[in-house]
PDB file of N, CA and C in Angstrom:
ATOM      1  N   MET A   1     123.171  56.056  68.267  1.00  0.00           N
ATOM      2  CA  MET A   1     121.751  56.342  68.245  1.00  0.00           C
ATOM      3  C   MET A   1     121.565  57.850  68.083  1.00  0.00           C
ATOM      4  N   THR A   2     120.748  58.241  67.165  1.00  0.00           N
ATOM      5  CA  THR A   2     120.528  59.657  66.923  1.00  0.00           C
ATOM      6  C   THR A   2     119.531  60.219  67.932  1.00  0.00           C
ATOM      7  N   ASP A   3     119.539  61.549  68.024  1.00  0.00           N
ATOM      8  CA  ASP A   3     118.621  62.207  68.953  1.00  0.00           C
ATOM      9  C   ASP A   3     117.167  61.977  68.547  1.00  0.00           C
ATOM     10  N   ASP A   4     116.921  61.903  67.224  1.00  0.00           N
ATOM     11  CA  ASP A   4     115.560  61.674  66.739  1.00  0.00           C
ATOM     12  C   ASP A   4     115.052  60.301  67.182  1.00  0.00           C
ATOM     13  N   ARG A   5     115.892  59.286  67.060  1.00  0.00           N
ATOM     14  CA  ARG A   5     115.487  57.941  67.473  1.00  0.00           C
ATOM     15  C   ARG A   5     115.303  57.872  68.987  1.00  0.00           C
ATOM     16  N   ALA A   6     116.185  58.541  69.722  1.00  0.00           N
ATOM     17  CA  ALA A   6     116.059  58.550  71.185  1.00  0.00           C
ATOM     18  C   ALA A   6     114.760  59.228  71.607  1.00  0.00           C
ATOM     19  N   ALA A   7     114.411  60.308  70.940  1.00  0.00           N
ATOM     20  CA  ALA A   7     113.161  60.999  71.259  1.00  0.00           C
ATOM     21  C   ALA A   7     111.953  60.123  70.920  1.00  0.00           C
ATOM     22  N   ARG A   8     112.026  59.426  69.794  1.00  0.00           N
ATOM     23  CA  ARG A   8     110.933  58.536  69.402  1.00  0.00           C
ATOM     24  C   ARG A   8     110.792  57.379  70.402  1.00  0.00           C
ATOM     25  N   ASP A   9     111.922  56.819  70.824  1.00  0.00           N
ATOM     26  CA  ASP A   9     111.884  55.743  71.820  1.00  0.00           C
ATOM     27  C   ASP A   9     111.313  56.235  73.139  1.00  0.00           C
ATOM     28  N   ALA A  10     111.683  57.445  73.535  1.00  0.00           N
ATOM     29  CA  ALA A  10     111.154  58.007  74.779  1.00  0.00           C
ATOM     30  C   ALA A  10     109.641  58.191  74.688  1.00  0.00           C
ATOM     31  N   ARG A  11     109.146  58.661  73.547  1.00  0.00           N
ATOM     32  CA  ARG A  11     107.700  58.808  73.367  1.00  0.00           C
ATOM     33  C   ARG A  11     107.006  57.449  73.431  1.00  0.00           C
ATOM     34  N   GLN A  12     107.604  56.450  72.785  1.00  0.00           N
ATOM     35  CA  GLN A  12     107.000  55.118  72.808  1.00  0.00           C
ATOM     36  C   GLN A  12     106.988  54.535  74.224  1.00  0.00           C
ATOM     37  N   LEU A  13     108.053  54.758  74.961  1.00  0.00           N
ATOM     38  CA  LEU A  13     108.095  54.252  76.333  1.00  0.00           C
ATOM     39  C   LEU A  13     107.073  54.954  77.224  1.00  0.00           C
ATOM     40  N   ARG A  14     106.848  56.250  76.995  1.00  0.00           N
ATOM     41  CA  ARG A  14     105.798  56.947  77.740  1.00  0.00           C
ATOM     42  C   ARG A  14     104.428  56.366  77.397  1.00  0.00           C
ATOM     43  N   LEU A  15     104.210  56.086  76.116  1.00  0.00           N
ATOM     44  CA  LEU A  15     102.945  55.481  75.699  1.00  0.00           C
ATOM     45  C   LEU A  15     102.775  54.104  76.331  1.00  0.00           C
ATOM     46  N   VAL A  16     103.844  53.314  76.344  1.00  0.00           N
ATOM     47  CA  VAL A  16     103.792  51.994  76.963  1.00  0.00           C
ATOM     48  C   VAL A  16     103.419  52.113  78.439  1.00  0.00           C
ATOM     49  N   SER A  17     104.032  53.059  79.136  1.00  0.00           N
ATOM     50  CA  SER A  17     103.726  53.207  80.560  1.00  0.00           C
ATOM     51  C   SER A  17     102.272  53.617  80.768  1.00  0.00           C
ATOM     52  N   LEU A  18     101.760  54.494  79.920  1.00  0.00           N
ATOM     53  CA  LEU A  18     100.354  54.893  80.042  1.00  0.00           C
ATOM     54  C   LEU A  18      99.414  53.722  79.755  1.00  0.00           C
ATOM     55  N   VAL A  19      99.752  52.927  78.754  1.00  0.00           N
ATOM     56  CA  VAL A  19      98.916  51.764  78.436  1.00  0.00           C
ATOM     57  C   VAL A  19      98.932  50.765  79.584  1.00  0.00           C
ATOM     58  N   MET A  20     100.104  50.536  80.172  1.00  0.00           N
ATOM     59  CA  MET A  20     100.192  49.585  81.283  1.00  0.00           C
ATOM     60  C   MET A  20      99.378  50.062  82.487  1.00  0.00           C
ATOM     61  N   VAL A  21      99.520  51.324  82.840  1.00  0.00           N
ATOM     62  CA  VAL A  21      98.771  51.864  83.981  1.00  0.00           C
ATOM     63  C   VAL A  21      97.274  51.878  83.682  1.00  0.00           C
ATOM     64  N   GLY A  22      96.913  52.326  82.491  1.00  0.00           N
ATOM     65  CA  GLY A  22      95.506  52.360  82.108  1.00  0.00           C
ATOM     66  C   GLY A  22      94.880  50.977  82.076  1.00  0.00           C
ATOM     67  N   THR A  23      95.626  50.013  81.553  1.00  0.00           N
ATOM     68  CA  THR A  23      95.136  48.639  81.518  1.00  0.00           C
ATOM     69  C   THR A  23      94.898  48.108  82.919  1.00  0.00           C
ATOM     70  N   ALA A  24      95.855  48.333  83.809  1.00  0.00           N
ATOM     71  CA  ALA A  24      95.714  47.840  85.180  1.00  0.00           C
ATOM     72  C   ALA A  24      94.521  48.489  85.877  1.00  0.00           C
ATOM     73  N   VAL A  25      94.384  49.802  85.728  1.00  0.00           N
ATOM     74  CA  VAL A  25      93.281  50.513  86.396  1.00  0.00           C
ATOM     75  C   VAL A  25      91.930  50.059  85.846  1.00  0.00           C
ATOM     76  N   LEU A  26      91.821  49.968  84.522  1.00  0.00           N
ATOM     77  CA  LEU A  26      90.550  49.533  83.928  1.00  0.00           C
ATOM     78  C   LEU A  26      90.228  48.083  84.276  1.00  0.00           C
ATOM     79  N   TRP A  27      91.244  47.247  84.315  1.00  0.00           N
ATOM     80  CA  TRP A  27      91.034  45.839  84.659  1.00  0.00           C
ATOM     81  C   TRP A  27      90.542  45.695  86.099  1.00  0.00           C
ATOM     82  N   LEU A  28      91.200  46.422  87.018  1.00  0.00           N
ATOM     83  CA  LEU A  28      90.757  46.374  88.413  1.00  0.00           C
ATOM     84  C   LEU A  28      89.360  46.961  88.563  1.00  0.00           C
ATOM     85  N   GLY A  29      89.092  48.051  87.830  1.00  0.00           N
ATOM     86  CA  GLY A  29      87.759  48.658  87.882  1.00  0.00           C
ATOM     87  C   GLY A  29      86.683  47.733  87.339  1.00  0.00           C
ATOM     88  N   ALA A  30      86.988  47.018  86.264  1.00  0.00           N
ATOM     89  CA  ALA A  30      86.014  46.085  85.696  1.00  0.00           C
ATOM     90  C   ALA A  30      85.755  44.927  86.650  1.00  0.00           C
ATOM     91  N   ASN A  31      86.800  44.444  87.306  1.00  0.00           N
ATOM     92  CA  ASN A  31      86.603  43.358  88.273  1.00  0.00           C
ATOM     93  C   ASN A  31      85.786  43.825  89.474  1.00  0.00           C
ATOM     94  N   TRP A  32      86.060  45.033  89.943  1.00  0.00           N
ATOM     95  CA  TRP A  32      85.297  45.581  91.059  1.00  0.00           C
ATOM     96  C   TRP A  32      83.823  45.747  90.662  1.00  0.00           C
ATOM     97  N   ALA A  33      83.609  46.346  89.477  1.00  0.00           N
ATOM     98  CA  ALA A  33      82.237  46.586  89.029  1.00  0.00           C
ATOM     99  C   ALA A  33      81.492  45.270  88.805  1.00  0.00           C
ATOM    100  N   GLY A  34      82.201  44.271  88.293  1.00  0.00           N
ATOM    101  CA  GLY A  34      81.562  42.975  88.068  1.00  0.00           C
ATOM    102  C   GLY A  34      81.080  42.344  89.358  1.00  0.00           C
ATOM    103  N   ARG A  35      81.884  42.454  90.396  1.00  0.00           N
ATOM    104  CA  ARG A  35      81.466  41.905  91.695  1.00  0.00           C
ATOM    105  C   ARG A  35      80.371  42.747  92.328  1.00  0.00           C
ATOM    106  N   ARG A  36      80.516  44.054  92.199  1.00  0.00           N
ATOM    107  CA  ARG A  36      79.566  44.983  92.843  1.00  0.00           C
ATOM    108  C   ARG A  36      78.168  44.858  92.246  1.00  0.00           C
ATOM    109  N   PHE A  37      78.099  44.726  90.908  1.00  0.00           N
ATOM    110  CA  PHE A  37      76.803  44.729  90.233  1.00  0.00           C
ATOM    111  C   PHE A  37      76.353  43.340  89.782  1.00  0.00           C
ATOM    112  N   GLY A  38      77.140  42.311  90.117  1.00  0.00           N
ATOM    113  CA  GLY A  38      76.732  40.949  89.809  1.00  0.00           C
ATOM    114  C   GLY A  38      76.739  40.603  88.332  1.00  0.00           C
ATOM    115  N   TRP A  39      77.706  41.108  87.591  1.00  0.00           N
ATOM    116  CA  TRP A  39      77.797  40.804  86.157  1.00  0.00           C
ATOM    117  C   TRP A  39      78.125  39.336  85.946  1.00  0.00           C
ATOM    118  N   PRO A  40      77.717  38.770  84.823  1.00  0.00           N
ATOM    119  CA  PRO A  40      78.053  37.370  84.529  1.00  0.00           C
ATOM    120  C   PRO A  40      79.567  37.169  84.399  1.00  0.00           C
ATOM    121  N   ALA A  41      80.002  35.933  84.604  1.00  0.00           N
ATOM    122  CA  ALA A  41      81.435  35.616  84.554  1.00  0.00           C
ATOM    123  C   ALA A  41      82.027  35.865  83.170  1.00  0.00           C
ATOM    124  N   GLU A  42      81.211  35.820  82.131  1.00  0.00           N
ATOM    125  CA  GLU A  42      81.725  36.060  80.777  1.00  0.00           C
ATOM    126  C   GLU A  42      82.344  37.447  80.651  1.00  0.00           C
ATOM    127  N   TYR A  43      81.771  38.417  81.349  1.00  0.00           N
ATOM    128  CA  TYR A  43      82.330  39.771  81.311  1.00  0.00           C
ATOM    129  C   TYR A  43      83.686  39.832  82.001  1.00  0.00           C
ATOM    130  N   ALA A  44      83.852  39.059  83.043  1.00  0.00           N
ATOM    131  CA  ALA A  44      85.158  39.002  83.718  1.00  0.00           C
ATOM    132  C   ALA A  44      86.201  38.414  82.775  1.00  0.00           C
ATOM    133  N   PHE A  45      85.826  37.384  82.044  1.00  0.00           N
ATOM    134  CA  PHE A  45      86.763  36.800  81.085  1.00  0.00           C
ATOM    135  C   PHE A  45      87.108  37.780  79.978  1.00  0.00           C
ATOM    136  N   LEU A  46      86.146  38.565  79.528  1.00  0.00           N
ATOM    137  CA  LEU A  46      86.425  39.580  78.513  1.00  0.00           C
ATOM    138  C   LEU A  46      87.377  40.646  79.046  1.00  0.00           C
ATOM    139  N   ALA A  47      87.170  41.052  80.289  1.00  0.00           N
ATOM    140  CA  ALA A  47      88.064  42.042  80.899  1.00  0.00           C
ATOM    141  C   ALA A  47      89.469  41.467  81.051  1.00  0.00           C
ATOM    142  N   ASP A  48      89.562  40.199  81.450  1.00  0.00           N
ATOM    143  CA  ASP A  48      90.871  39.556  81.571  1.00  0.00           C
ATOM    144  C   ASP A  48      91.564  39.466  80.221  1.00  0.00           C
ATOM    145  N   LEU A  49      90.822  39.111  79.188  1.00  0.00           N
ATOM    146  CA  LEU A  49      91.395  38.990  77.846  1.00  0.00           C
ATOM    147  C   LEU A  49      91.880  40.345  77.328  1.00  0.00           C
ATOM    148  N   ALA A  50      91.097  41.383  77.567  1.00  0.00           N
ATOM    149  CA  ALA A  50      91.508  42.725  77.152  1.00  0.00           C
ATOM    150  C   ALA A  50      92.755  43.171  77.907  1.00  0.00           C
ATOM    151  N   ALA A  51      92.815  42.872  79.190  1.00  0.00           N
ATOM    152  CA  ALA A  51      93.993  43.232  79.990  1.00  0.00           C
ATOM    153  C   ALA A  51      95.226  42.485  79.493  1.00  0.00           C
ATOM    154  N   MET A  52      95.067  41.216  79.195  1.00  0.00           N
ATOM    155  CA  MET A  52      96.205  40.456  78.666  1.00  0.00           C
ATOM    156  C   MET A  52      96.687  41.060  77.352  1.00  0.00           C
ATOM    157  N   GLY A  53      95.762  41.471  76.505  1.00  0.00           N
ATOM    158  CA  GLY A  53      96.139  42.102  75.247  1.00  0.00           C
ATOM    159  C   GLY A  53      96.937  43.380  75.470  1.00  0.00           C
ATOM    160  N   GLY A  54      96.504  44.203  76.395  1.00  0.00           N
ATOM    161  CA  GLY A  54      97.228  45.440  76.694  1.00  0.00           C
ATOM    162  C   GLY A  54      98.613  45.180  77.259  1.00  0.00           C
ATOM    163  N   PHE A  55      98.720  44.206  78.138  1.00  0.00           N
ATOM    164  CA  PHE A  55     100.022  43.899  78.728  1.00  0.00           C
ATOM    165  C   PHE A  55     100.960  43.235  77.724  1.00  0.00           C
ATOM    166  N   VAL A  56     100.445  42.367  76.871  1.00  0.00           N
ATOM    167  CA  VAL A  56     101.287  41.734  75.845  1.00  0.00           C
ATOM    168  C   VAL A  56     101.772  42.783  74.857  1.00  0.00           C
ATOM    169  N   TRP A  57     100.901  43.693  74.448  1.00  0.00           N
ATOM    170  CA  TRP A  57     101.319  44.760  73.540  1.00  0.00           C
ATOM    171  C   TRP A  57     102.440  45.584  74.176  1.00  0.00           C
ATOM    172  N   SER A  58     102.277  45.930  75.446  1.00  0.00           N
ATOM    173  CA  SER A  58     103.301  46.713  76.140  1.00  0.00           C
ATOM    174  C   SER A  58     104.621  45.954  76.208  1.00  0.00           C
ATOM    175  N   LEU A  59     104.547  44.668  76.485  1.00  0.00           N
ATOM    176  CA  LEU A  59     105.757  43.855  76.547  1.00  0.00           C
ATOM    177  C   LEU A  59     106.455  43.806  75.193  1.00  0.00           C
ATOM    178  N   LEU A  60     105.699  43.625  74.128  1.00  0.00           N
ATOM    179  CA  LEU A  60     106.300  43.543  72.793  1.00  0.00           C
ATOM    180  C   LEU A  60     106.945  44.859  72.370  1.00  0.00           C
ATOM    181  N   VAL A  61     106.295  45.963  72.635  1.00  0.00           N
ATOM    182  CA  VAL A  61     106.872  47.261  72.277  1.00  0.00           C
ATOM    183  C   VAL A  61     108.130  47.530  73.098  1.00  0.00           C
ATOM    184  N   THR A  62     108.077  47.221  74.388  1.00  0.00           N
ATOM    185  CA  THR A  62     109.257  47.417  75.235  1.00  0.00           C
ATOM    186  C   THR A  62     110.403  46.531  74.776  1.00  0.00           C
ATOM    187  N   TRP A  63     110.123  45.291  74.418  1.00  0.00           N
ATOM    188  CA  TRP A  63     111.153  44.377  73.940  1.00  0.00           C
ATOM    189  C   TRP A  63     111.768  44.895  72.639  1.00  0.00           C
ATOM    190  N   ARG A  64     110.927  45.416  71.752  1.00  0.00           N
ATOM    191  CA  ARG A  64     111.438  45.951  70.477  1.00  0.00           C
ATOM    192  C   ARG A  64     112.373  47.135  70.712  1.00  0.00           C
ATOM    193  N   ILE A  65     112.012  48.015  71.630  1.00  0.00           N
ATOM    194  CA  ILE A  65     112.881  49.158  71.937  1.00  0.00           C
ATOM    195  C   ILE A  65     114.174  48.677  72.567  1.00  0.00           C
ATOM    196  N   TRP A  66     114.087  47.708  73.464  1.00  0.00           N
ATOM    197  CA  TRP A  66     115.283  47.171  74.109  1.00  0.00           C
ATOM    198  C   TRP A  66     116.212  46.534  73.079  1.00  0.00           C
ATOM    199  N   ARG A  67     115.654  45.796  72.128  1.00  0.00           N
ATOM    200  CA  ARG A  67     116.478  45.164  71.095  1.00  0.00           C
ATOM    201  C   ARG A  67     117.155  46.209  70.208  1.00  0.00           C
ATOM    202  N   ARG A  68     116.486  47.303  69.954  1.00  0.00           N
ATOM    203  CA  ARG A  68     117.072  48.366  69.139  1.00  0.00           C
ATOM    204  C   ARG A  68     118.243  49.017  69.856  1.00  0.00           C
ATOM    205  N   LYS A  69     118.172  49.082  71.185  1.00  0.00           N
ATOM    206  CA  LYS A  69     119.239  49.711  71.954  1.00  0.00           C
ATOM    207  C   LYS A  69     120.378  48.764  72.301  1.00  0.00           C
ATOM    208  N   ALA A  70     120.144  47.455  72.172  1.00  0.00           N
ATOM    209  CA  ALA A  70     121.182  46.473  72.536  1.00  0.00           C
ATOM    210  C   ALA A  70     122.355  46.590  71.564  1.00  0.00           C
ATOM    211  N   PRO A  71     123.582  46.499  72.085  1.00  0.00           N
ATOM    212  CA  PRO A  71     124.735  46.589  71.195  1.00  0.00           C
ATOM    213  C   PRO A  71     124.807  45.375  70.278  1.00  0.00           C
ATOM    214  N   ALA A  72     125.315  45.610  69.076  1.00  0.00           N
ATOM    215  CA  ALA A  72     125.477  44.523  68.115  1.00  0.00           C
ATOM    216  C   ALA A  72     126.556  43.566  68.600  1.00  0.00           C
ATOM    217  N   GLY A  73     126.384  42.295  68.301  1.00  0.00           N
ATOM    218  CA  GLY A  73     127.364  41.290  68.717  1.00  0.00           C
ATOM    219  C   GLY A  73     128.701  41.484  68.012  1.00  0.00           C
ATOM    220  N   LYS A  74     129.732  40.961  68.617  1.00  0.00           N
ATOM    221  CA  LYS A  74     131.067  41.076  68.019  1.00  0.00           C
ATOM    222  C   LYS A  74     131.144  40.143  66.819  1.00  0.00           C
ATOM    223  N   LYS A  75     131.771  40.626  65.773  1.00  0.00           N
ATOM    224  CA  LYS A  75     131.968  39.800  64.586  1.00  0.00           C
ATOM    225  C   LYS A  75     133.368  39.229  64.609  1.00  0.00           C
ATOM    226  N   GLY A  76     133.478  38.025  64.129  1.00  0.00           N
ATOM    227  CA  GLY A  76     134.822  37.462  63.987  1.00  0.00           C
ATOM    228  C   GLY A  76     134.984  36.359  64.853  1.00  0.00           C
TER     229      GLY A  76
END
């Protein structure tokens, strides 16, 4: 693995961590605000759907980086 690829992977992993933390904080904040201000349940479902999207994206990017770093299988 070259230093350029390692640096790119490190940047992507930092972005993934920020997205995961941001998603969790915004999701909890939306749920709190929905209860506090009596928002309709449809808004809670939208917040849940957006949170799932953020977490799935983070999982896919992390999986892609992990697969790139995994050693190739033995041939023969």
